[in-house]
């Protein structure tokens, strides 16, 4: 980016910076600073199988009272896409479940 052909855009190097010039220096910087771009999902799998953590009918954690998981971690398997739409769908479903549970409790108290 420091070449004359880029001058009109006023680009400048931000990372790794001018302190890293040789191949070995650049490799050192990459090893110390590189991260993945993955969106981790599936750590609290929703389902009924032996590895499932979240009950799909109410989004509550199996065997734990008053705890729901409402994020991308409930995805039962990985996929190659951004997780934003998954989180929106999970949250919308959770809202429906929570509102229905609240209304049911209100009917019992009336």
Protein backbone atom coordinates (compact mmCIF):
# COMPACT_ATOMS: atom_id res chain seq x y z
CA UNK A 1 0.00 0.00 0.00
CA UNK A 2 3.01 2.29 0.23
CA UNK A 3 3.53 2.20 -3.55
CA UNK A 4 2.96 5.41 -5.55
CA UNK A 5 -0.04 3.92 -7.38
CA UNK A 6 -1.97 3.89 -4.09
CA UNK A 7 -0.95 7.41 -2.97
CA UNK A 8 -4.19 9.08 -4.08
CA UNK A 9 -6.16 6.94 -1.61
CA UNK A 10 -3.87 7.78 1.31
CA UNK A 11 -3.69 4.15 2.44
CA UNK A 12 -1.37 3.24 5.27
CA UNK A 13 -0.47 -0.02 6.89
CA UNK A 14 -2.13 -0.53 10.25
CA UNK A 15 -1.12 -4.10 11.10
CA UNK A 16 1.32 -5.67 11.54
CA UNK A 17 3.18 -2.37 11.19
CA UNK A 18 6.62 -1.33 10.08
CA UNK A 19 8.36 -3.28 12.87
CA UNK A 20 7.66 -6.51 10.99
CA UNK A 21 9.49 -6.70 7.66
CA UNK A 22 11.21 -10.04 7.18
CA UNK A 23 9.44 -13.33 6.51
CA UNK A 24 10.33 -14.59 9.98
CA UNK A 25 9.07 -11.39 11.63
CA UNK A 26 5.80 -11.58 9.72
CA UNK A 27 5.34 -15.25 10.62
CA UNK A 28 6.01 -14.38 14.26
CA UNK A 29 3.35 -11.65 14.15
CA UNK A 30 0.81 -13.94 12.46
CA UNK A 31 1.35 -16.70 15.02
CA UNK A 32 0.84 -14.25 17.88
CA UNK A 33 -2.12 -12.34 16.49
CA UNK A 34 -4.13 -14.33 13.97
CA UNK A 35 -7.59 -15.54 14.93
CA UNK A 36 -10.36 -17.37 13.15
CA UNK A 37 -13.45 -15.79 11.71
CA UNK A 38 -15.71 -18.60 12.83
CA UNK A 39 -18.94 -18.07 14.71
CA UNK A 40 -18.96 -20.79 17.31
CA UNK A 41 -22.25 -22.62 17.56
CA UNK A 42 -23.55 -25.89 18.93
CA UNK A 43 -21.92 -25.79 22.37
CA UNK A 44 -25.33 -26.29 24.05
CA UNK A 45 -26.97 -28.52 21.47
CA UNK A 46 -30.75 -28.50 21.38
CA UNK A 47 -32.42 -31.87 20.99
CA UNK A 48 -33.31 -35.12 22.72
CA UNK A 49 -30.21 -37.22 22.05
CA UNK A 50 -27.42 -38.11 24.47
CA UNK A 51 -25.37 -34.99 23.61
CA UNK A 52 -28.30 -32.59 23.81
CA UNK A 53 -28.23 -29.93 26.51
CA UNK A 54 -31.35 -27.90 25.66
CA UNK A 55 -34.92 -29.21 25.48
CA UNK A 56 -36.34 -28.20 22.07
CA UNK A 57 -39.90 -27.86 23.39
CA UNK A 58 -39.14 -25.08 25.90
CA UNK A 59 -35.47 -24.14 25.32
CA UNK A 60 -34.65 -24.97 28.92
CA UNK A 61 -31.48 -26.75 29.95
CA UNK A 62 -32.15 -30.41 30.68
CA UNK A 63 -32.01 -31.03 34.45
CA UNK A 64 -31.57 -27.36 35.44
CA UNK A 65 -34.47 -25.32 36.76
CA UNK A 66 -35.26 -21.83 35.39
CA UNK A 67 -32.44 -21.66 32.83
CA UNK A 68 -32.98 -21.23 29.10
CA UNK A 69 -30.34 -20.96 26.41
CA UNK A 70 -31.35 -18.52 23.70
CA UNK A 71 -28.43 -18.01 21.32
CA UNK A 72 -26.49 -19.71 18.52
CA UNK A 73 -25.08 -22.30 20.90
CA UNK A 74 -28.33 -24.32 20.65
CA UNK A 75 -27.75 -25.14 16.96
CA UNK A 76 -27.63 -28.94 16.75
CA UNK A 77 -25.03 -28.91 13.95
CA UNK A 78 -22.63 -26.58 12.23
CA UNK A 79 -23.27 -24.86 8.91
CA UNK A 80 -21.42 -22.55 6.54
CA UNK A 81 -23.21 -19.25 6.95
CA UNK A 82 -23.37 -16.23 9.20
CA UNK A 83 -25.19 -16.98 12.45
CA UNK A 84 -27.23 -13.77 12.63
CA UNK A 85 -30.39 -15.20 11.06
CA UNK A 86 -30.11 -18.30 13.26
CA UNK A 87 -29.97 -16.13 16.38
CA UNK A 88 -33.00 -14.13 15.21
CA UNK A 89 -34.98 -17.34 14.64
CA UNK A 90 -33.95 -18.83 17.99
CA UNK A 91 -34.86 -15.60 19.80
CA UNK A 92 -38.24 -15.33 18.04
CA UNK A 93 -39.07 -18.92 18.98
CA UNK A 94 -37.98 -18.31 22.57
CA UNK A 95 -40.22 -15.25 22.83
CA UNK A 96 -43.19 -17.32 21.68
CA UNK A 97 -42.40 -20.02 24.25
CA UNK A 98 -41.87 -17.58 27.11
CA UNK A 99 -45.05 -15.61 26.36
CA UNK A 100 -47.09 -18.83 26.09
CA UNK A 101 -45.69 -20.07 29.41
CA UNK A 102 -46.47 -16.73 31.07
CA UNK A 103 -50.04 -16.73 29.75
CA UNK A 104 -50.55 -20.30 30.95
CA UNK A 105 -49.40 -19.32 34.44
CA UNK A 106 -51.71 -16.30 34.40
CA UNK A 107 -54.69 -18.54 33.53
CA UNK A 108 -53.89 -20.77 36.50
CA UNK A 109 -53.89 -17.78 38.85
CA UNK A 110 -57.18 -16.32 37.51
